[in-house]
Amino acid sequence: MGVIVEAVGKKLESGLESAETSFWSLGNFEDDVRLVFLEDVVNFSFWSDAGAPQWRITYPDGAVKSGGWYSLVAGFRRSIERGIPILDVGFMSELTVEQCREIFVGDGGVDIPMFEDRQKNLNEAGKNLLKIYNGHFLSLLKKADFDAVKIVKLLYDEFPSFRDEAVYGVEKIPFLKRAQICASDIAYIFEKYGKRPIINLDLLTAFADYKLPQILRKFGAIGYADDLAKRIDGFIPINSGSPEEVEIRAATIVCVENIRRQLESYTAAQIDNALWLMSQDQTGIKPFHRCRTIFY
């Protein structure tokens, strides 16, 4: 663990991305809060199948070509600047498949993976936000007392698409990746605008996805049995909720907790952010595990 602890420590000391870099801003606090919530509603599964063109959105013209989260943010920005009312939760509650495809269509007309699932998630988010909070996500944060753990709990209870959990043997394992990252992302927006801080961020775990175990494997912090390694390195998908997938995600969280114990001044979320940024450098890195899911 020593090598990766040192590498993560250096990354954290060099500084992470700011909210300005990671999140496009509309310049209005409540709009930015709602925007981040909607982005996290569809923050999953950006990778393309083997042999298929990579989905990415290069926007505005001249922007650096990046995929994943950065393209998702670019898609929301492009839609807003073209007059599509995606911050209107009424619009989102009735969003059609074709409208969803238009919002997220990538360079060269490449569709974002699982766009129909994203449409369903956005419909659910819009309808439930209207029903429970009169369309104001900020009201959920107030109900949660601006507490990260309570925010995660409310997202789990009131927005089923955030119910990221698996059964392993007889145990129910809650990962809650998108719910936790939403609480963390909201904290960045609150910090940007100088609002009251979101509390209990230190109680969140790592956000177990497909990029973190990839970088942890590169540093030898986790390893795979030979058969599983062959499947992952051969780009053979594994099933969501399968024992292998649950073990990979659980090992990711344990690894980050072990790193956190040695870097005591940082939260698991900050360590997660550092690892995620490190994973963007694909030099000498093996493939990530392929698993189609709405949860990461």
C-alpha atoms as a PDB file:
ATOM      1  CA  MET A   1       0.000   0.000   0.000  1.00  0.00           C
ATOM      2  CA  GLY A   2       2.964   2.298   0.549  1.00  0.00           C
ATOM      3  CA  VAL A   3       3.450   3.163  -3.120  1.00  0.00           C
ATOM      4  CA  ILE A   4      -0.138   4.157  -3.760  1.00  0.00           C
ATOM      5  CA  VAL A   5      -0.404   6.070  -0.483  1.00  0.00           C
ATOM      6  CA  GLU A   6       2.605   8.123  -1.544  1.00  0.00           C
ATOM      7  CA  ALA A   7       1.200   8.702  -5.038  1.00  0.00           C
ATOM      8  CA  VAL A   8      -2.215   9.744  -3.717  1.00  0.00           C
ATOM      9  CA  GLY A   9      -0.591  11.995  -1.131  1.00  0.00           C
ATOM     10  CA  LYS A  10       1.373  13.795  -3.834  1.00  0.00           C
ATOM     11  CA  LYS A  11      -1.745  14.210  -5.950  1.00  0.00           C
ATOM     12  CA  LEU A  12      -3.682  15.664  -3.028  1.00  0.00           C
ATOM     13  CA  GLU A  13      -0.842  18.036  -2.140  1.00  0.00           C
ATOM     14  CA  SER A  14      -0.644  19.267  -5.728  1.00  0.00           C
ATOM     15  CA  GLY A  15      -4.318  20.231  -5.561  1.00  0.00           C
ATOM     16  CA  LEU A  16      -7.474  18.768  -7.049  1.00  0.00           C
ATOM     17  CA  GLU A  17      -9.774  20.260  -9.639  1.00  0.00           C
ATOM     18  CA  SER A  18     -11.887  23.164  -8.519  1.00  0.00           C
ATOM     19  CA  ALA A  19     -15.637  23.385  -8.868  1.00  0.00           C
ATOM     20  CA  GLU A  20     -15.034  25.830 -11.719  1.00  0.00           C
ATOM     21  CA  THR A  21     -13.054  23.188 -13.608  1.00  0.00           C
ATOM     22  CA  SER A  22     -15.232  20.152 -12.902  1.00  0.00           C
ATOM     23  CA  PHE A  23     -18.677  21.759 -13.075  1.00  0.00           C
ATOM     24  CA  TRP A  24     -19.844  24.269 -15.614  1.00  0.00           C
ATOM     25  CA  SER A  25     -21.621  27.087 -13.781  1.00  0.00           C
ATOM     26  CA  LEU A  26     -24.681  29.093 -14.736  1.00  0.00           C
ATOM     27  CA  GLY A  27     -23.667  31.745 -12.223  1.00  0.00           C
ATOM     28  CA  ASN A  28     -26.738  31.201 -10.044  1.00  0.00           C
ATOM     29  CA  PHE A  29     -26.572  29.190  -6.835  1.00  0.00           C
ATOM     30  CA  GLU A  30     -29.912  27.389  -6.939  1.00  0.00           C
ATOM     31  CA  ASP A  31     -29.615  26.678 -10.672  1.00  0.00           C
ATOM     32  CA  ASP A  32     -26.160  25.195 -10.138  1.00  0.00           C
ATOM     33  CA  VAL A  33     -27.444  23.018  -7.279  1.00  0.00           C
ATOM     34  CA  ARG A  34     -30.279  21.689  -9.449  1.00  0.00           C
ATOM     35  CA  LEU A  35     -27.924  21.190 -12.387  1.00  0.00           C
ATOM     36  CA  VAL A  36     -25.478  19.099 -10.353  1.00  0.00           C
ATOM     37  CA  PHE A  37     -28.327  16.967  -9.038  1.00  0.00           C
ATOM     38  CA  LEU A  38     -29.586  16.268 -12.574  1.00  0.00           C
ATOM     39  CA  GLU A  39     -26.061  15.523 -13.790  1.00  0.00           C
ATOM     40  CA  ASP A  40     -25.634  12.971 -11.017  1.00  0.00           C
ATOM     41  CA  VAL A  41     -28.991  11.411 -11.906  1.00  0.00           C
ATOM     42  CA  VAL A  42     -27.350  10.289 -15.183  1.00  0.00           C
ATOM     43  CA  ASN A  43     -23.727   9.985 -14.047  1.00  0.00           C
ATOM     44  CA  PHE A  44     -23.022   6.400 -15.091  1.00  0.00           C
ATOM     45  CA  SER A  45     -21.698   4.015 -17.775  1.00  0.00           C
ATOM     46  CA  PHE A  46     -19.858   6.211 -20.276  1.00  0.00           C
ATOM     47  CA  TRP A  47     -17.709   3.484 -21.833  1.00  0.00           C
ATOM     48  CA  SER A  48     -18.370   2.059 -25.285  1.00  0.00           C
ATOM     49  CA  ASP A  49     -18.544  -1.582 -26.273  1.00  0.00           C
ATOM     50  CA  ALA A  50     -15.466  -3.121 -27.866  1.00  0.00           C
ATOM     51  CA  GLY A  51     -15.174  -1.997 -31.475  1.00  0.00           C
ATOM     52  CA  ALA A  52     -17.814   0.714 -31.106  1.00  0.00           C
ATOM     53  CA  PRO A  53     -16.960   4.432 -31.456  1.00  0.00           C
ATOM     54  CA  GLN A  54     -16.252   6.227 -28.194  1.00  0.00           C
ATOM     55  CA  TRP A  55     -18.985   8.570 -27.003  1.00  0.00           C
ATOM     56  CA  ARG A  56     -17.820  12.100 -26.270  1.00  0.00           C
ATOM     57  CA  ILE A  57     -19.139  15.626 -26.621  1.00  0.00           C
ATOM     58  CA  THR A  58     -16.717  18.326 -27.721  1.00  0.00           C
ATOM     59  CA  TYR A  59     -18.402  21.568 -26.719  1.00  0.00           C
ATOM     60  CA  PRO A  60     -17.995  24.466 -27.074  1.00  0.00           C
ATOM     61  CA  ASP A  61     -16.064  24.474 -30.354  1.00  0.00           C
ATOM     62  CA  GLY A  62     -12.371  24.256 -29.662  1.00  0.00           C
ATOM     63  CA  ALA A  63     -12.791  22.566 -26.281  1.00  0.00           C
ATOM     64  CA  VAL A  64     -10.381  19.809 -25.324  1.00  0.00           C
ATOM     65  CA  LYS A  65     -11.834  16.446 -26.324  1.00  0.00           C
ATOM     66  CA  SER A  66     -12.708  14.487 -23.190  1.00  0.00           C
ATOM     67  CA  GLY A  67     -15.192  11.747 -22.479  1.00  0.00           C
ATOM     68  CA  GLY A  68     -17.056  10.597 -19.411  1.00  0.00           C
ATOM     69  CA  TRP A  69     -18.095  13.148 -16.819  1.00  0.00           C
ATOM     70  CA  TYR A  70     -16.630  16.056 -18.790  1.00  0.00           C
ATOM     71  CA  SER A  71     -18.729  15.184 -21.829  1.00  0.00           C
ATOM     72  CA  LEU A  72     -21.810  14.816 -19.631  1.00  0.00           C
ATOM     73  CA  VAL A  73     -21.270  18.343 -18.308  1.00  0.00           C
ATOM     74  CA  ALA A  74     -20.702  19.543 -21.882  1.00  0.00           C
ATOM     75  CA  GLY A  75     -23.990  17.958 -22.939  1.00  0.00           C
ATOM     76  CA  PHE A  76     -25.943  19.797 -20.272  1.00  0.00           C
ATOM     77  CA  ARG A  77     -24.162  23.045 -21.087  1.00  0.00           C
ATOM     78  CA  ARG A  78     -24.830  22.689 -24.824  1.00  0.00           C
ATOM     79  CA  SER A  79     -28.510  22.005 -24.194  1.00  0.00           C
ATOM     80  CA  ILE A  80     -28.955  24.999 -21.899  1.00  0.00           C
ATOM     81  CA  GLU A  81     -27.139  27.322 -24.301  1.00  0.00           C
ATOM     82  CA  ARG A  82     -29.350  26.080 -27.148  1.00  0.00           C
ATOM     83  CA  GLY A  83     -32.497  26.830 -25.189  1.00  0.00           C
ATOM     84  CA  ILE A  84     -33.512  23.314 -24.138  1.00  0.00           C
ATOM     85  CA  PRO A  85     -35.157  23.797 -20.703  1.00  0.00           C
ATOM     86  CA  ILE A  86     -33.396  20.947 -18.945  1.00  0.00           C
ATOM     87  CA  LEU A  87     -33.424  22.739 -15.583  1.00  0.00           C
ATOM     88  CA  ASP A  88     -37.230  22.804 -15.740  1.00  0.00           C
ATOM     89  CA  VAL A  89     -38.187  19.738 -13.697  1.00  0.00           C
ATOM     90  CA  GLY A  90     -41.585  19.683 -15.399  1.00  0.00           C
ATOM     91  CA  PHE A  91     -39.804  19.302 -18.736  1.00  0.00           C
ATOM     92  CA  MET A  92     -37.565  16.603 -17.293  1.00  0.00           C
ATOM     93  CA  SER A  93     -40.523  14.711 -15.857  1.00  0.00           C
ATOM     94  CA  GLU A  94     -41.972  14.384 -19.382  1.00  0.00           C
ATOM     95  CA  LEU A  95     -38.682  14.033 -21.259  1.00  0.00           C
ATOM     96  CA  THR A  96     -38.990  11.645 -24.208  1.00  0.00           C
ATOM     97  CA  VAL A  97     -36.410   9.158 -25.420  1.00  0.00           C
ATOM     98  CA  GLU A  98     -35.728  11.256 -28.520  1.00  0.00           C
ATOM     99  CA  GLN A  99     -35.291  14.435 -26.459  1.00  0.00           C
ATOM    100  CA  CYS A 100     -32.875  12.589 -24.192  1.00  0.00           C
ATOM    101  CA  ARG A 101     -30.931  11.365 -27.224  1.00  0.00           C
ATOM    102  CA  GLU A 102     -30.721  14.972 -28.488  1.00  0.00           C
ATOM    103  CA  ILE A 103     -29.351  16.219 -25.170  1.00  0.00           C
ATOM    104  CA  PHE A 104     -26.585  13.643 -25.025  1.00  0.00           C
ATOM    105  CA  VAL A 105     -25.773  12.914 -28.673  1.00  0.00           C
ATOM    106  CA  GLY A 106     -22.020  12.810 -29.082  1.00  0.00           C
ATOM    107  CA  ASP A 107     -19.524  13.831 -31.732  1.00  0.00           C
ATOM    108  CA  GLY A 108     -20.315  12.217 -35.066  1.00  0.00           C
ATOM    109  CA  GLY A 109     -23.835  11.346 -33.947  1.00  0.00           C
ATOM    110  CA  VAL A 110     -22.650   8.679 -31.481  1.00  0.00           C
ATOM    111  CA  ASP A 111     -25.313   7.906 -28.886  1.00  0.00           C
ATOM    112  CA  ILE A 112     -24.470   7.917 -25.202  1.00  0.00           C
ATOM    113  CA  PRO A 113     -24.697   4.367 -23.812  1.00  0.00           C
ATOM    114  CA  MET A 114     -27.943   3.485 -22.004  1.00  0.00           C
ATOM    115  CA  PHE A 115     -29.704   6.692 -23.054  1.00  0.00           C
ATOM    116  CA  GLU A 116     -33.104   5.094 -22.490  1.00  0.00           C
ATOM    117  CA  ASP A 117     -32.155   4.389 -18.872  1.00  0.00           C
ATOM    118  CA  ARG A 118     -31.011   7.988 -18.502  1.00  0.00           C
ATOM    119  CA  GLN A 119     -34.368   9.175 -19.815  1.00  0.00           C
ATOM    120  CA  LYS A 120     -36.176   7.026 -17.231  1.00  0.00           C
ATOM    121  CA  ASN A 121     -33.950   8.367 -14.443  1.00  0.00           C
ATOM    122  CA  LEU A 122     -34.563  11.964 -15.476  1.00  0.00           C
ATOM    123  CA  ASN A 123     -38.323  11.352 -15.665  1.00  0.00           C
ATOM    124  CA  GLU A 124     -38.240   9.926 -12.145  1.00  0.00           C
ATOM    125  CA  ALA A 125     -36.107  12.799 -10.850  1.00  0.00           C
ATOM    126  CA  GLY A 126     -38.390  15.430 -12.359  1.00  0.00           C
ATOM    127  CA  LYS A 127     -41.628  13.825 -11.171  1.00  0.00           C
ATOM    128  CA  ASN A 128     -40.431  13.135  -7.637  1.00  0.00           C
ATOM    129  CA  LEU A 129     -38.793  16.532  -7.269  1.00  0.00           C
ATOM    130  CA  LEU A 130     -42.085  18.156  -8.255  1.00  0.00           C
ATOM    131  CA  LYS A 131     -44.173  15.876  -6.054  1.00  0.00           C
ATOM    132  CA  ILE A 132     -42.060  16.063  -2.895  1.00  0.00           C
ATOM    133  CA  TYR A 133     -40.244  19.405  -3.106  1.00  0.00           C
ATOM    134  CA  ASN A 134     -42.273  21.527  -5.534  1.00  0.00           C
ATOM    135  CA  GLY A 135     -39.374  21.306  -7.974  1.00  0.00           C
ATOM    136  CA  HIS A 136     -36.679  22.678  -5.640  1.00  0.00           C
ATOM    137  CA  PHE A 137     -33.741  20.384  -4.911  1.00  0.00           C
ATOM    138  CA  LEU A 138     -32.516  22.919  -2.393  1.00  0.00           C
ATOM    139  CA  SER A 139     -35.546  21.956  -0.270  1.00  0.00           C
ATOM    140  CA  LEU A 140     -34.199  18.405  -0.027  1.00  0.00           C
ATOM    141  CA  LEU A 141     -30.906  19.771   1.272  1.00  0.00           C
ATOM    142  CA  LYS A 142     -32.731  21.833   3.873  1.00  0.00           C
ATOM    143  CA  LYS A 143     -34.772  18.787   4.922  1.00  0.00           C
ATOM    144  CA  ALA A 144     -31.481  16.904   5.299  1.00  0.00           C
ATOM    145  CA  ASP A 145     -30.089  19.667   7.560  1.00  0.00           C
ATOM    146  CA  PHE A 146     -27.240  20.069   5.033  1.00  0.00           C
ATOM    147  CA  ASP A 147     -25.863  16.772   6.332  1.00  0.00           C
ATOM    148  CA  ALA A 148     -24.158  14.542   3.725  1.00  0.00           C
ATOM    149  CA  VAL A 149     -25.361  11.307   5.316  1.00  0.00           C
ATOM    150  CA  LYS A 150     -28.964  12.536   5.473  1.00  0.00           C
ATOM    151  CA  ILE A 151     -28.759  13.723   1.865  1.00  0.00           C
ATOM    152  CA  VAL A 152     -27.708  10.220   0.806  1.00  0.00           C
ATOM    153  CA  LYS A 153     -30.542   8.708   2.865  1.00  0.00           C
ATOM    154  CA  LEU A 154     -33.168  11.001   1.294  1.00  0.00           C
ATOM    155  CA  LEU A 155     -31.908  10.277  -2.218  1.00  0.00           C
ATOM    156  CA  TYR A 156     -32.165   6.563  -1.448  1.00  0.00           C
ATOM    157  CA  ASP A 157     -35.652   6.856   0.024  1.00  0.00           C
ATOM    158  CA  GLU A 158     -37.215   9.265  -2.469  1.00  0.00           C
ATOM    159  CA  PHE A 159     -35.427   8.584  -5.790  1.00  0.00           C
ATOM    160  CA  PRO A 160     -35.268   4.840  -6.526  1.00  0.00           C
ATOM    161  CA  SER A 161     -32.637   5.218  -9.246  1.00  0.00           C
ATOM    162  CA  PHE A 162     -30.153   6.049  -6.475  1.00  0.00           C
ATOM    163  CA  ARG A 163     -30.755   2.720  -4.644  1.00  0.00           C
ATOM    164  CA  ASP A 164     -27.383   1.234  -5.429  1.00  0.00           C
ATOM    165  CA  GLU A 165     -27.137  -1.917  -3.341  1.00  0.00           C
ATOM    166  CA  ALA A 166     -26.366  -5.571  -3.917  1.00  0.00           C
ATOM    167  CA  VAL A 167     -26.965  -8.888  -2.202  1.00  0.00           C
ATOM    168  CA  TYR A 168     -23.862 -10.936  -1.411  1.00  0.00           C
ATOM    169  CA  GLY A 169     -24.762 -14.286   0.077  1.00  0.00           C
ATOM    170  CA  VAL A 170     -27.351 -13.282   2.656  1.00  0.00           C
ATOM    171  CA  GLU A 171     -25.946  -9.785   3.205  1.00  0.00           C
ATOM    172  CA  LYS A 172     -27.311  -6.600   1.639  1.00  0.00           C
ATOM    173  CA  ILE A 173     -24.387  -4.397   0.607  1.00  0.00           C
ATOM    174  CA  PRO A 174     -25.129  -0.675   0.124  1.00  0.00           C
ATOM    175  CA  PHE A 175     -22.662   1.053  -2.223  1.00  0.00           C
ATOM    176  CA  LEU A 176     -24.725   4.179  -2.988  1.00  0.00           C
ATOM    177  CA  LYS A 177     -22.139   5.536  -5.386  1.00  0.00           C
ATOM    178  CA  ARG A 178     -24.239   8.176  -7.127  1.00  0.00           C
ATOM    179  CA  ALA A 179     -26.052   9.265  -3.969  1.00  0.00           C
ATOM    180  CA  GLN A 180     -22.762   9.790  -2.163  1.00  0.00           C
ATOM    181  CA  ILE A 181     -21.091  11.550  -5.062  1.00  0.00           C
ATOM    182  CA  CYS A 182     -24.127  13.825  -5.346  1.00  0.00           C
ATOM    183  CA  ALA A 183     -23.721  14.878  -1.708  1.00  0.00           C
ATOM    184  CA  SER A 184     -20.026  15.476  -2.337  1.00  0.00           C
ATOM    185  CA  ASP A 185     -20.634  17.417  -5.563  1.00  0.00           C
ATOM    186  CA  ILE A 186     -23.217  19.594  -3.838  1.00  0.00           C
ATOM    187  CA  ALA A 187     -20.624  20.391  -1.169  1.00  0.00           C
ATOM    188  CA  TYR A 188     -18.328  21.776  -3.900  1.00  0.00           C
ATOM    189  CA  ILE A 189     -21.100  24.060  -5.133  1.00  0.00           C
ATOM    190  CA  PHE A 190     -21.846  25.281  -1.607  1.00  0.00           C
ATOM    191  CA  GLU A 191     -18.147  26.017  -1.122  1.00  0.00           C
ATOM    192  CA  LYS A 192     -17.959  27.859  -4.441  1.00  0.00           C
ATOM    193  CA  TYR A 193     -20.789  30.197  -3.425  1.00  0.00           C
ATOM    194  CA  GLY A 194     -19.597  30.613   0.159  1.00  0.00           C
ATOM    195  CA  LYS A 195     -22.707  28.948   1.595  1.00  0.00           C
ATOM    196  CA  ARG A 196     -22.922  26.994   4.830  1.00  0.00           C
ATOM    197  CA  PRO A 197     -20.784  23.855   4.554  1.00  0.00           C
ATOM    198  CA  ILE A 198     -22.272  20.421   4.018  1.00  0.00           C
ATOM    199  CA  ILE A 199     -21.455  18.508   7.213  1.00  0.00           C
ATOM    200  CA  ASN A 200     -20.375  14.899   7.785  1.00  0.00           C
ATOM    201  CA  LEU A 201     -18.607  14.542   4.434  1.00  0.00           C
ATOM    202  CA  ASP A 202     -15.981  12.566   6.340  1.00  0.00           C
ATOM    203  CA  LEU A 203     -18.574   9.819   6.919  1.00  0.00           C
ATOM    204  CA  LEU A 204     -18.932   9.049   3.207  1.00  0.00           C
ATOM    205  CA  THR A 205     -17.091   6.124   1.653  1.00  0.00           C
ATOM    206  CA  ALA A 206     -15.329   5.981  -1.692  1.00  0.00           C
ATOM    207  CA  PHE A 207     -17.575   6.139  -4.744  1.00  0.00           C
ATOM    208  CA  ALA A 208     -17.095   2.603  -6.059  1.00  0.00           C
ATOM    209  CA  ASP A 209     -17.101   2.731  -9.866  1.00  0.00           C
ATOM    210  CA  TYR A 210     -15.041   1.202 -12.683  1.00  0.00           C
ATOM    211  CA  LYS A 211     -12.166   3.722 -12.763  1.00  0.00           C
ATOM    212  CA  LEU A 212     -11.025   3.449  -9.149  1.00  0.00           C
ATOM    213  CA  PRO A 213     -10.391  -0.309  -9.156  1.00  0.00           C
ATOM    214  CA  GLN A 214      -8.534   0.156 -12.434  1.00  0.00           C
ATOM    215  CA  ILE A 215      -6.012   2.568 -10.891  1.00  0.00           C
ATOM    216  CA  LEU A 216      -5.837   0.580  -7.650  1.00  0.00           C
ATOM    217  CA  ARG A 217      -4.944  -2.494  -9.686  1.00  0.00           C
ATOM    218  CA  LYS A 218      -2.193  -0.578 -11.495  1.00  0.00           C
ATOM    219  CA  PHE A 219      -0.538   0.139  -8.145  1.00  0.00           C
ATOM    220  CA  GLY A 220      -1.027  -3.420  -6.886  1.00  0.00           C
ATOM    221  CA  ALA A 221      -3.474  -2.396  -4.171  1.00  0.00           C
ATOM    222  CA  ILE A 222      -6.025  -4.905  -5.467  1.00  0.00           C
ATOM    223  CA  GLY A 223      -5.632  -7.970  -7.652  1.00  0.00           C
ATOM    224  CA  TYR A 224      -7.860 -10.401  -9.509  1.00  0.00           C
ATOM    225  CA  ALA A 225      -7.957 -14.192  -9.696  1.00  0.00           C
ATOM    226  CA  ASP A 226      -6.517 -15.442 -12.982  1.00  0.00           C
ATOM    227  CA  ASP A 227      -9.872 -16.281 -14.556  1.00  0.00           C
ATOM    228  CA  LEU A 228     -11.393 -12.921 -13.595  1.00  0.00           C
ATOM    229  CA  ALA A 229      -8.294 -11.051 -14.792  1.00  0.00           C
ATOM    230  CA  LYS A 230      -8.550 -12.771 -18.184  1.00  0.00           C
ATOM    231  CA  ARG A 231     -12.202 -11.786 -18.502  1.00  0.00           C
ATOM    232  CA  ILE A 232     -11.565  -8.154 -17.559  1.00  0.00           C
ATOM    233  CA  ASP A 233      -8.457  -7.845 -19.730  1.00  0.00           C
ATOM    234  CA  GLY A 234     -10.391  -9.451 -22.592  1.00  0.00           C
ATOM    235  CA  PHE A 235     -13.162  -6.823 -22.301  1.00  0.00           C
ATOM    236  CA  ILE A 236     -15.708  -9.499 -21.382  1.00  0.00           C
ATOM    237  CA  PRO A 237     -18.510  -7.876 -19.352  1.00  0.00           C
ATOM    238  CA  ILE A 238     -19.397  -9.116 -15.893  1.00  0.00           C
ATOM    239  CA  ASN A 239     -22.938  -9.026 -14.581  1.00  0.00           C
ATOM    240  CA  SER A 240     -24.215  -6.283 -12.309  1.00  0.00           C
ATOM    241  CA  GLY A 241     -24.774  -7.753  -8.843  1.00  0.00           C
ATOM    242  CA  SER A 242     -22.601 -10.801  -9.530  1.00  0.00           C
ATOM    243  CA  PRO A 243     -20.229 -11.920  -6.750  1.00  0.00           C
ATOM    244  CA  GLU A 244     -17.231 -10.746  -8.797  1.00  0.00           C
ATOM    245  CA  GLU A 245     -18.658  -7.275  -9.304  1.00  0.00           C
ATOM    246  CA  VAL A 246     -19.639  -6.894  -5.648  1.00  0.00           C
ATOM    247  CA  GLU A 247     -16.179  -8.020  -4.538  1.00  0.00           C
ATOM    248  CA  ILE A 248     -14.426  -5.547  -6.873  1.00  0.00           C
ATOM    249  CA  ARG A 249     -16.498  -2.644  -5.553  1.00  0.00           C
ATOM    250  CA  ALA A 250     -16.152  -3.726  -1.920  1.00  0.00           C
ATOM    251  CA  ALA A 251     -12.385  -4.107  -2.309  1.00  0.00           C
ATOM    252  CA  THR A 252     -12.263  -0.598  -3.777  1.00  0.00           C
ATOM    253  CA  ILE A 253     -13.954   0.883  -0.709  1.00  0.00           C
ATOM    254  CA  VAL A 254     -11.708  -1.059   1.678  1.00  0.00           C
ATOM    255  CA  CYS A 255      -8.589   0.073  -0.201  1.00  0.00           C
ATOM    256  CA  VAL A 256      -9.597   3.710  -0.044  1.00  0.00           C
ATOM    257  CA  GLU A 257     -10.323   3.376   3.679  1.00  0.00           C
ATOM    258  CA  ASN A 258      -6.849   1.903   4.188  1.00  0.00           C
ATOM    259  CA  ILE A 259      -5.328   4.842   2.314  1.00  0.00           C
ATOM    260  CA  ARG A 260      -7.432   7.275   4.356  1.00  0.00           C
ATOM    261  CA  ARG A 261      -6.096   5.856   7.628  1.00  0.00           C
ATOM    262  CA  GLN A 262      -2.609   6.817   6.492  1.00  0.00           C
ATOM    263  CA  LEU A 263      -3.627  10.215   5.101  1.00  0.00           C
ATOM    264  CA  GLU A 264      -5.675  11.272   8.088  1.00  0.00           C
ATOM    265  CA  SER A 265      -6.265  14.883   7.087  1.00  0.00           C
ATOM    266  CA  TYR A 266      -8.246  13.838   3.981  1.00  0.00           C
ATOM    267  CA  THR A 267     -11.695  12.337   3.505  1.00  0.00           C
ATOM    268  CA  ALA A 268     -12.470   9.227   1.497  1.00  0.00           C
ATOM    269  CA  ALA A 269     -14.164  11.493  -1.066  1.00  0.00           C
ATOM    270  CA  GLN A 270     -11.004  13.555  -1.533  1.00  0.00           C
ATOM    271  CA  ILE A 271      -8.906  10.415  -1.908  1.00  0.00           C
ATOM    272  CA  ASP A 272     -11.467   9.082  -4.361  1.00  0.00           C
ATOM    273  CA  ASN A 273     -11.183  12.307  -6.370  1.00  0.00           C
ATOM    274  CA  ALA A 274      -7.395  12.041  -6.443  1.00  0.00           C
ATOM    275  CA  LEU A 275      -7.536   8.409  -7.601  1.00  0.00           C
ATOM    276  CA  TRP A 276     -10.113   9.222 -10.262  1.00  0.00           C
ATOM    277  CA  LEU A 277      -7.949  12.009 -11.660  1.00  0.00           C
ATOM    278  CA  MET A 278      -4.923   9.701 -11.589  1.00  0.00           C
ATOM    279  CA  SER A 279      -6.916   7.109 -13.566  1.00  0.00           C
ATOM    280  CA  GLN A 280      -7.359   9.560 -16.442  1.00  0.00           C
ATOM    281  CA  ASP A 281      -3.719   8.896 -17.337  1.00  0.00           C
ATOM    282  CA  GLN A 282      -4.035   5.548 -19.122  1.00  0.00           C
ATOM    283  CA  THR A 283      -0.269   4.988 -19.470  1.00  0.00           C
ATOM    284  CA  GLY A 284       0.587   1.421 -18.527  1.00  0.00           C
ATOM    285  CA  ILE A 285      -2.876   0.719 -17.167  1.00  0.00           C
ATOM    286  CA  LYS A 286      -4.934  -2.423 -17.718  1.00  0.00           C
ATOM    287  CA  PRO A 287      -8.605  -2.383 -18.733  1.00  0.00           C
ATOM    288  CA  PHE A 288     -11.346  -1.586 -16.235  1.00  0.00           C
ATOM    289  CA  HIS A 289     -14.092  -4.117 -15.557  1.00  0.00           C
ATOM    290  CA  ARG A 290     -17.039  -3.796 -17.927  1.00  0.00           C
ATOM    291  CA  CYS A 291     -20.410  -3.863 -16.222  1.00  0.00           C
ATOM    292  CA  ARG A 292     -23.531  -2.192 -17.627  1.00  0.00           C
ATOM    293  CA  THR A 293     -25.430  -0.594 -14.785  1.00  0.00           C
ATOM    294  CA  ILE A 294     -27.157   2.684 -13.912  1.00  0.00           C
ATOM    295  CA  PHE A 295     -25.218   2.867 -10.657  1.00  0.00           C
ATOM    296  CA  TYR A 296     -21.739   3.798 -11.929  1.00  0.00           C
END
